[in-house]
């Protein structure tokens, strides 16, 4: 339950940070956004939604790698 309580506000922060124009960002601002996104990923991964996203991405990468052979 704590994971969902922390992940939702982080998702909102990421959404609003990524909506801003990219040319106005400093390197520190970009690094901060990356840290927030990584923290969100760590919090989402153990949830059923996170596992579904991971399964989907695994299948996508597998399909792409098989089609390039």
PDB file of N, CA and C in Angstrom:
ATOM      1  N   UNK A   1       0.821  -1.193   0.000  1.00  0.00           N
ATOM      2  CA  UNK A   1       0.000   0.000   0.000  1.00  0.00           C
ATOM      3  C   UNK A   1       0.863   1.253   0.000  1.00  0.00           C
ATOM      4  N   UNK A   2       1.982   1.229   0.728  1.00  0.00           N
ATOM      5  CA  UNK A   2       2.871   2.381   0.770  1.00  0.00           C
ATOM      6  C   UNK A   2       3.448   2.673  -0.601  1.00  0.00           C
ATOM      7  N   UNK A   3       3.718   1.630  -1.384  1.00  0.00           N
ATOM      8  CA  UNK A   3       4.262   1.812  -2.728  1.00  0.00           C
ATOM      9  C   UNK A   3       3.314   2.634  -3.587  1.00  0.00           C
ATOM     10  N   UNK A   4       2.024   2.323  -3.528  1.00  0.00           N
ATOM     11  CA  UNK A   4       1.043   3.069  -4.315  1.00  0.00           C
ATOM     12  C   UNK A   4       0.909   4.496  -3.810  1.00  0.00           C
ATOM     13  N   UNK A   5       0.982   4.686  -2.498  1.00  0.00           N
ATOM     14  CA  UNK A   5       0.847   6.023  -1.925  1.00  0.00           C
ATOM     15  C   UNK A   5       2.000   6.935  -2.328  1.00  0.00           C
ATOM     16  N   UNK A   6       3.173   6.377  -2.541  1.00  0.00           N
ATOM     17  CA  UNK A   6       4.329   7.173  -2.940  1.00  0.00           C
ATOM     18  C   UNK A   6       4.413   7.287  -4.458  1.00  0.00           C
ATOM     19  N   UNK A   7       4.011   6.245  -5.164  1.00  0.00           N
ATOM     20  CA  UNK A   7       4.132   6.222  -6.622  1.00  0.00           C
ATOM     21  C   UNK A   7       3.190   7.219  -7.296  1.00  0.00           C
ATOM     22  N   UNK A   8       2.008   7.394  -6.785  1.00  0.00           N
ATOM     23  CA  UNK A   8       1.040   8.287  -7.426  1.00  0.00           C
ATOM     24  C   UNK A   8       1.525   9.738  -7.432  1.00  0.00           C
ATOM     25  N   UNK A   9       1.972  10.297  -6.313  1.00  0.00           N
ATOM     26  CA  UNK A   9       2.487  11.674  -6.381  1.00  0.00           C
ATOM     27  C   UNK A   9       3.735  11.794  -7.263  1.00  0.00           C
ATOM     28  N   UNK A  10       4.587  10.769  -7.248  1.00  0.00           N
ATOM     29  CA  UNK A  10       5.764  10.806  -8.117  1.00  0.00           C
ATOM     30  C   UNK A  10       5.347  10.798  -9.582  1.00  0.00           C
ATOM     31  N   UNK A  11       4.341  10.026  -9.931  1.00  0.00           N
ATOM     32  CA  UNK A  11       3.860   9.996 -11.314  1.00  0.00           C
ATOM     33  C   UNK A  11       3.317  11.363 -11.734  1.00  0.00           C
ATOM     34  N   UNK A  12       2.631  12.034 -10.831  1.00  0.00           N
ATOM     35  CA  UNK A  12       2.120  13.374 -11.129  1.00  0.00           C
ATOM     36  C   UNK A  12       3.273  14.356 -11.327  1.00  0.00           C
ATOM     37  N   UNK A  13       4.285  14.270 -10.477  1.00  0.00           N
ATOM     38  CA  UNK A  13       5.456  15.147 -10.612  1.00  0.00           C
ATOM     39  C   UNK A  13       6.149  14.899 -11.946  1.00  0.00           C
ATOM     40  N   UNK A  14       6.345  13.640 -12.307  1.00  0.00           N
ATOM     41  CA  UNK A  14       6.996  13.306 -13.582  1.00  0.00           C
ATOM     42  C   UNK A  14       6.167  13.848 -14.743  1.00  0.00           C
ATOM     43  N   UNK A  15       4.858  13.677 -14.690  1.00  0.00           N
ATOM     44  CA  UNK A  15       3.992  14.162 -15.763  1.00  0.00           C
ATOM     45  C   UNK A  15       4.175  15.662 -15.974  1.00  0.00           C
ATOM     46  N   UNK A  16       4.142  16.442 -14.905  1.00  0.00           N
ATOM     47  CA  UNK A  16       4.260  17.890 -15.049  1.00  0.00           C
ATOM     48  C   UNK A  16       5.671  18.319 -15.427  1.00  0.00           C
ATOM     49  N   UNK A  17       6.685  17.596 -14.957  1.00  0.00           N
ATOM     50  CA  UNK A  17       8.060  17.942 -15.329  1.00  0.00           C
ATOM     51  C   UNK A  17       8.325  17.650 -16.795  1.00  0.00           C
ATOM     52  N   UNK A  18       7.748  16.594 -17.329  1.00  0.00           N
ATOM     53  CA  UNK A  18       7.988  16.245 -18.723  1.00  0.00           C
ATOM     54  C   UNK A  18       7.144  17.076 -19.685  1.00  0.00           C
ATOM     55  N   UNK A  19       6.132  17.751 -19.199  1.00  0.00           N
ATOM     56  CA  UNK A  19       5.317  18.620 -20.050  1.00  0.00           C
ATOM     57  C   UNK A  19       6.027  19.911 -20.400  1.00  0.00           C
ATOM     58  N   UNK A  20       6.995  20.308 -19.580  1.00  0.00           N
ATOM     59  CA  UNK A  20       7.700  21.580 -19.813  1.00  0.00           C
ATOM     60  C   UNK A  20       8.543  21.506 -21.072  1.00  0.00           C
ATOM     61  N   UNK A  21       8.884  22.660 -21.612  1.00  0.00           N
ATOM     62  CA  UNK A  21       9.722  22.730 -22.805  1.00  0.00           C
ATOM     63  C   UNK A  21      11.137  22.285 -22.475  1.00  0.00           C
ATOM     64  N   UNK A  22      11.718  21.461 -23.321  1.00  0.00           N
ATOM     65  CA  UNK A  22      13.027  20.869 -23.031  1.00  0.00           C
ATOM     66  C   UNK A  22      14.160  21.864 -23.174  1.00  0.00           C
ATOM     67  N   UNK A  23      14.054  22.866 -24.035  1.00  0.00           N
ATOM     68  CA  UNK A  23      15.181  23.781 -24.227  1.00  0.00           C
ATOM     69  C   UNK A  23      15.431  24.678 -23.020  1.00  0.00           C
ATOM     70  N   UNK A  24      14.478  24.780 -22.110  1.00  0.00           N
ATOM     71  CA  UNK A  24      14.633  25.652 -20.946  1.00  0.00           C
ATOM     72  C   UNK A  24      15.242  24.931 -19.747  1.00  0.00           C
ATOM     73  N   UNK A  25      15.617  23.665 -19.887  1.00  0.00           N
ATOM     74  CA  UNK A  25      16.111  22.896 -18.751  1.00  0.00           C
ATOM     75  C   UNK A  25      17.619  22.986 -18.604  1.00  0.00           C
ATOM     76  N   UNK A  26      18.065  23.008 -17.367  1.00  0.00           N
ATOM     77  CA  UNK A  26      19.496  22.928 -17.086  1.00  0.00           C
ATOM     78  C   UNK A  26      19.880  21.459 -16.917  1.00  0.00           C
ATOM     79  N   UNK A  27      21.172  21.201 -16.869  1.00  0.00           N
ATOM     80  CA  UNK A  27      21.618  19.813 -16.679  1.00  0.00           C
ATOM     81  C   UNK A  27      21.183  19.289 -15.314  1.00  0.00           C
ATOM     82  N   UNK A  28      21.228  20.127 -14.300  1.00  0.00           N
ATOM     83  CA  UNK A  28      20.788  19.710 -12.971  1.00  0.00           C
ATOM     84  C   UNK A  28      19.302  19.359 -12.982  1.00  0.00           C
ATOM     85  N   UNK A  29      18.518  20.140 -13.688  1.00  0.00           N
ATOM     86  CA  UNK A  29      17.084  19.873 -13.799  1.00  0.00           C
ATOM     87  C   UNK A  29      16.837  18.542 -14.511  1.00  0.00           C
ATOM     88  N   UNK A  30      17.596  18.258 -15.568  1.00  0.00           N
ATOM     89  CA  UNK A  30      17.459  16.988 -16.279  1.00  0.00           C
ATOM     90  C   UNK A  30      17.852  15.818 -15.390  1.00  0.00           C
ATOM     91  N   UNK A  31      18.931  15.963 -14.628  1.00  0.00           N
ATOM     92  CA  UNK A  31      19.374  14.888 -13.730  1.00  0.00           C
ATOM     93  C   UNK A  31      18.335  14.629 -12.652  1.00  0.00           C
ATOM     94  N   UNK A  32      17.726  15.680 -12.135  1.00  0.00           N
ATOM     95  CA  UNK A  32      16.695  15.538 -11.109  1.00  0.00           C
ATOM     96  C   UNK A  32      15.490  14.776 -11.667  1.00  0.00           C
ATOM     97  N   UNK A  33      15.111  15.088 -12.908  1.00  0.00           N
ATOM     98  CA  UNK A  33      14.003  14.383 -13.547  1.00  0.00           C
ATOM     99  C   UNK A  33      14.332  12.904 -13.713  1.00  0.00           C
ATOM    100  N   UNK A  34      15.558  12.591 -14.101  1.00  0.00           N
ATOM    101  CA  UNK A  34      15.968  11.188 -14.256  1.00  0.00           C
ATOM    102  C   UNK A  34      15.893  10.455 -12.930  1.00  0.00           C
ATOM    103  N   UNK A  35      16.332  11.084 -11.853  1.00  0.00           N
ATOM    104  CA  UNK A  35      16.292  10.459 -10.528  1.00  0.00           C
ATOM    105  C   UNK A  35      14.839  10.191 -10.116  1.00  0.00           C
ATOM    106  N   UNK A  36      13.959  11.141 -10.372  1.00  0.00           N
ATOM    107  CA  UNK A  36      12.547  10.958 -10.019  1.00  0.00           C
ATOM    108  C   UNK A  36      11.944   9.814 -10.823  1.00  0.00           C
ATOM    109  N   UNK A  37      12.257   9.748 -12.125  1.00  0.00           N
ATOM    110  CA  UNK A  37      11.707   8.683 -12.969  1.00  0.00           C
ATOM    111  C   UNK A  37      12.231   7.320 -12.526  1.00  0.00           C
ATOM    112  N   UNK A  38      13.511   7.237 -12.174  1.00  0.00           N
ATOM    113  CA  UNK A  38      14.064   5.976 -11.680  1.00  0.00           C
ATOM    114  C   UNK A  38      13.396   5.554 -10.372  1.00  0.00           C
ATOM    115  N   UNK A  39      13.175   6.496  -9.475  1.00  0.00           N
ATOM    116  CA  UNK A  39      12.496   6.184  -8.212  1.00  0.00           C
ATOM    117  C   UNK A  39      11.080   5.692  -8.480  1.00  0.00           C
ATOM    118  N   UNK A  40      10.394   6.326  -9.440  1.00  0.00           N
ATOM    119  CA  UNK A  40       9.043   5.887  -9.796  1.00  0.00           C
ATOM    120  C   UNK A  40       9.074   4.463 -10.348  1.00  0.00           C
ATOM    121  N   UNK A  41      10.062   4.163 -11.179  1.00  0.00           N
ATOM    122  CA  UNK A  41      10.187   2.816 -11.729  1.00  0.00           C
ATOM    123  C   UNK A  41      10.409   1.772 -10.657  1.00  0.00           C
ATOM    124  N   UNK A  42      11.229   2.104  -9.671  1.00  0.00           N
ATOM    125  CA  UNK A  42      11.494   1.164  -8.574  1.00  0.00           C
ATOM    126  C   UNK A  42      10.234   0.936  -7.748  1.00  0.00           C
ATOM    127  N   UNK A  43       9.423   1.962  -7.581  1.00  0.00           N
ATOM    128  CA  UNK A  43       8.194   1.823  -6.796  1.00  0.00           C
ATOM    129  C   UNK A  43       7.103   1.086  -7.557  1.00  0.00           C
ATOM    130  N   UNK A  44       7.062   1.241  -8.881  1.00  0.00           N
ATOM    131  CA  UNK A  44       6.002   0.608  -9.677  1.00  0.00           C
ATOM    132  C   UNK A  44       6.294  -0.862  -9.935  1.00  0.00           C
ATOM    133  N   UNK A  45       7.542  -1.253 -10.045  1.00  0.00           N
ATOM    134  CA  UNK A  45       7.915  -2.605 -10.447  1.00  0.00           C
ATOM    135  C   UNK A  45       7.252  -3.713  -9.629  1.00  0.00           C
ATOM    136  N   UNK A  46       7.181  -3.649  -8.303  1.00  0.00           N
ATOM    137  CA  UNK A  46       6.568  -4.768  -7.573  1.00  0.00           C
ATOM    138  C   UNK A  46       5.040  -4.836  -7.664  1.00  0.00           C
ATOM    139  N   UNK A  47       4.399  -3.844  -8.223  1.00  0.00           N
ATOM    140  CA  UNK A  47       2.945  -3.848  -8.309  1.00  0.00           C
ATOM    141  C   UNK A  47       2.492  -4.646  -9.531  1.00  0.00           C
ATOM    142  N   UNK A  48       1.234  -5.080  -9.558  1.00  0.00           N
ATOM    143  CA  UNK A  48       0.727  -5.805 -10.738  1.00  0.00           C
ATOM    144  C   UNK A  48       0.826  -4.976 -12.030  1.00  0.00           C
ATOM    145  N   UNK A  49       0.592  -3.672 -11.936  1.00  0.00           N
ATOM    146  CA  UNK A  49       0.708  -2.813 -13.120  1.00  0.00           C
ATOM    147  C   UNK A  49       2.154  -2.801 -13.602  1.00  0.00           C
ATOM    148  N   UNK A  50       3.089  -2.682 -12.682  1.00  0.00           N
ATOM    149  CA  UNK A  50       4.503  -2.699 -13.042  1.00  0.00           C
ATOM    150  C   UNK A  50       4.926  -4.004 -13.678  1.00  0.00           C
ATOM    151  N   UNK A  51       4.410  -5.115 -13.155  1.00  0.00           N
ATOM    152  CA  UNK A  51       4.732  -6.423 -13.733  1.00  0.00           C
ATOM    153  C   UNK A  51       4.143  -6.549 -15.136  1.00  0.00           C
ATOM    154  N   UNK A  52       2.963  -5.997 -15.346  1.00  0.00           N
ATOM    155  CA  UNK A  52       2.358  -6.013 -16.676  1.00  0.00           C
ATOM    156  C   UNK A  52       3.170  -5.203 -17.676  1.00  0.00           C
ATOM    157  N   UNK A  53       3.640  -4.038 -17.239  1.00  0.00           N
ATOM    158  CA  UNK A  53       4.489  -3.207 -18.099  1.00  0.00           C
ATOM    159  C   UNK A  53       5.786  -3.937 -18.421  1.00  0.00           C
ATOM    160  N   UNK A  54       6.383  -4.564 -17.416  1.00  0.00           N
ATOM    161  CA  UNK A  54       7.626  -5.306 -17.621  1.00  0.00           C
ATOM    162  C   UNK A  54       7.419  -6.468 -18.588  1.00  0.00           C
ATOM    163  N   UNK A  55       6.330  -7.203 -18.443  1.00  0.00           N
ATOM    164  CA  UNK A  55       6.031  -8.310 -19.362  1.00  0.00           C
ATOM    165  C   UNK A  55       5.830  -7.803 -20.787  1.00  0.00           C
ATOM    166  N   UNK A  56       5.101  -6.700 -20.933  1.00  0.00           N
ATOM    167  CA  UNK A  56       4.862  -6.128 -22.255  1.00  0.00           C
ATOM    168  C   UNK A  56       6.175  -5.709 -22.905  1.00  0.00           C
ATOM    169  N   UNK A  57       7.016  -5.008 -22.164  1.00  0.00           N
ATOM    170  CA  UNK A  57       8.298  -4.561 -22.715  1.00  0.00           C
ATOM    171  C   UNK A  57       9.203  -5.738 -23.054  1.00  0.00           C
ATOM    172  N   UNK A  58       9.169  -6.787 -22.234  1.00  0.00           N
ATOM    173  CA  UNK A  58       9.969  -7.981 -22.518  1.00  0.00           C
ATOM    174  C   UNK A  58       9.526  -8.631 -23.822  1.00  0.00           C
ATOM    175  N   UNK A  59       8.230  -8.739 -24.025  1.00  0.00           N
ATOM    176  CA  UNK A  59       7.718  -9.317 -25.265  1.00  0.00           C
ATOM    177  C   UNK A  59       8.048  -8.436 -26.463  1.00  0.00           C
ATOM    178  N   UNK A  60       7.972  -7.128 -26.286  1.00  0.00           N
ATOM    179  CA  UNK A  60       8.291  -6.198 -27.359  1.00  0.00           C
ATOM    180  C   UNK A  60       9.746  -6.318 -27.773  1.00  0.00           C
ATOM    181  N   UNK A  61      10.644  -6.331 -26.803  1.00  0.00           N
ATOM    182  CA  UNK A  61      12.078  -6.456 -27.098  1.00  0.00           C
ATOM    183  C   UNK A  61      12.381  -7.810 -27.726  1.00  0.00           C
ATOM    184  N   UNK A  62      11.746  -8.845 -27.233  1.00  0.00           N
ATOM    185  CA  UNK A  62      11.941 -10.177 -27.796  1.00  0.00           C
ATOM    186  C   UNK A  62      11.478 -10.228 -29.255  1.00  0.00           C
ATOM    187  N   UNK A  63      10.332  -9.642 -29.544  1.00  0.00           N
ATOM    188  CA  UNK A  63       9.818  -9.605 -30.911  1.00  0.00           C
ATOM    189  C   UNK A  63      10.720  -8.816 -31.843  1.00  0.00           C
ATOM    190  N   UNK A  64      11.237  -7.696 -31.347  1.00  0.00           N
ATOM    191  CA  UNK A  64      12.129  -6.875 -32.175  1.00  0.00           C
ATOM    192  C   UNK A  64      13.435  -7.606 -32.451  1.00  0.00           C
ATOM    193  N   UNK A  65      13.974  -8.254 -31.437  1.00  0.00           N
ATOM    194  CA  UNK A  65      15.255  -8.956 -31.630  1.00  0.00           C
ATOM    195  C   UNK A  65      15.093 -10.158 -32.554  1.00  0.00           C
ATOM    196  N   UNK A  66      13.944 -10.842 -32.527  1.00  0.00           N
ATOM    197  CA  UNK A  66      13.717 -11.973 -33.411  1.00  0.00           C
ATOM    198  C   UNK A  66      13.477 -11.526 -34.846  1.00  0.00           C
ATOM    199  N   UNK A  67      12.861 -10.352 -35.031  1.00  0.00           N
ATOM    200  CA  UNK A  67      12.589  -9.879 -36.384  1.00  0.00           C
ATOM    201  C   UNK A  67      13.840  -9.342 -37.067  1.00  0.00           C
ATOM    202  N   UNK A  68      14.853  -8.971 -36.296  1.00  0.00           N
ATOM    203  CA  UNK A  68      16.083  -8.437 -36.890  1.00  0.00           C
ATOM    204  C   UNK A  68      17.039  -9.547 -37.314  1.00  0.00           C
ATOM    205  N   UNK A  69      16.745 -10.782 -37.006  1.00  0.00           N
ATOM    206  CA  UNK A  69      17.633 -11.890 -37.385  1.00  0.00           C
ATOM    207  C   UNK A  69      17.424 -12.309 -38.791  1.00  0.00           C
TER     208      UNK A  69
END
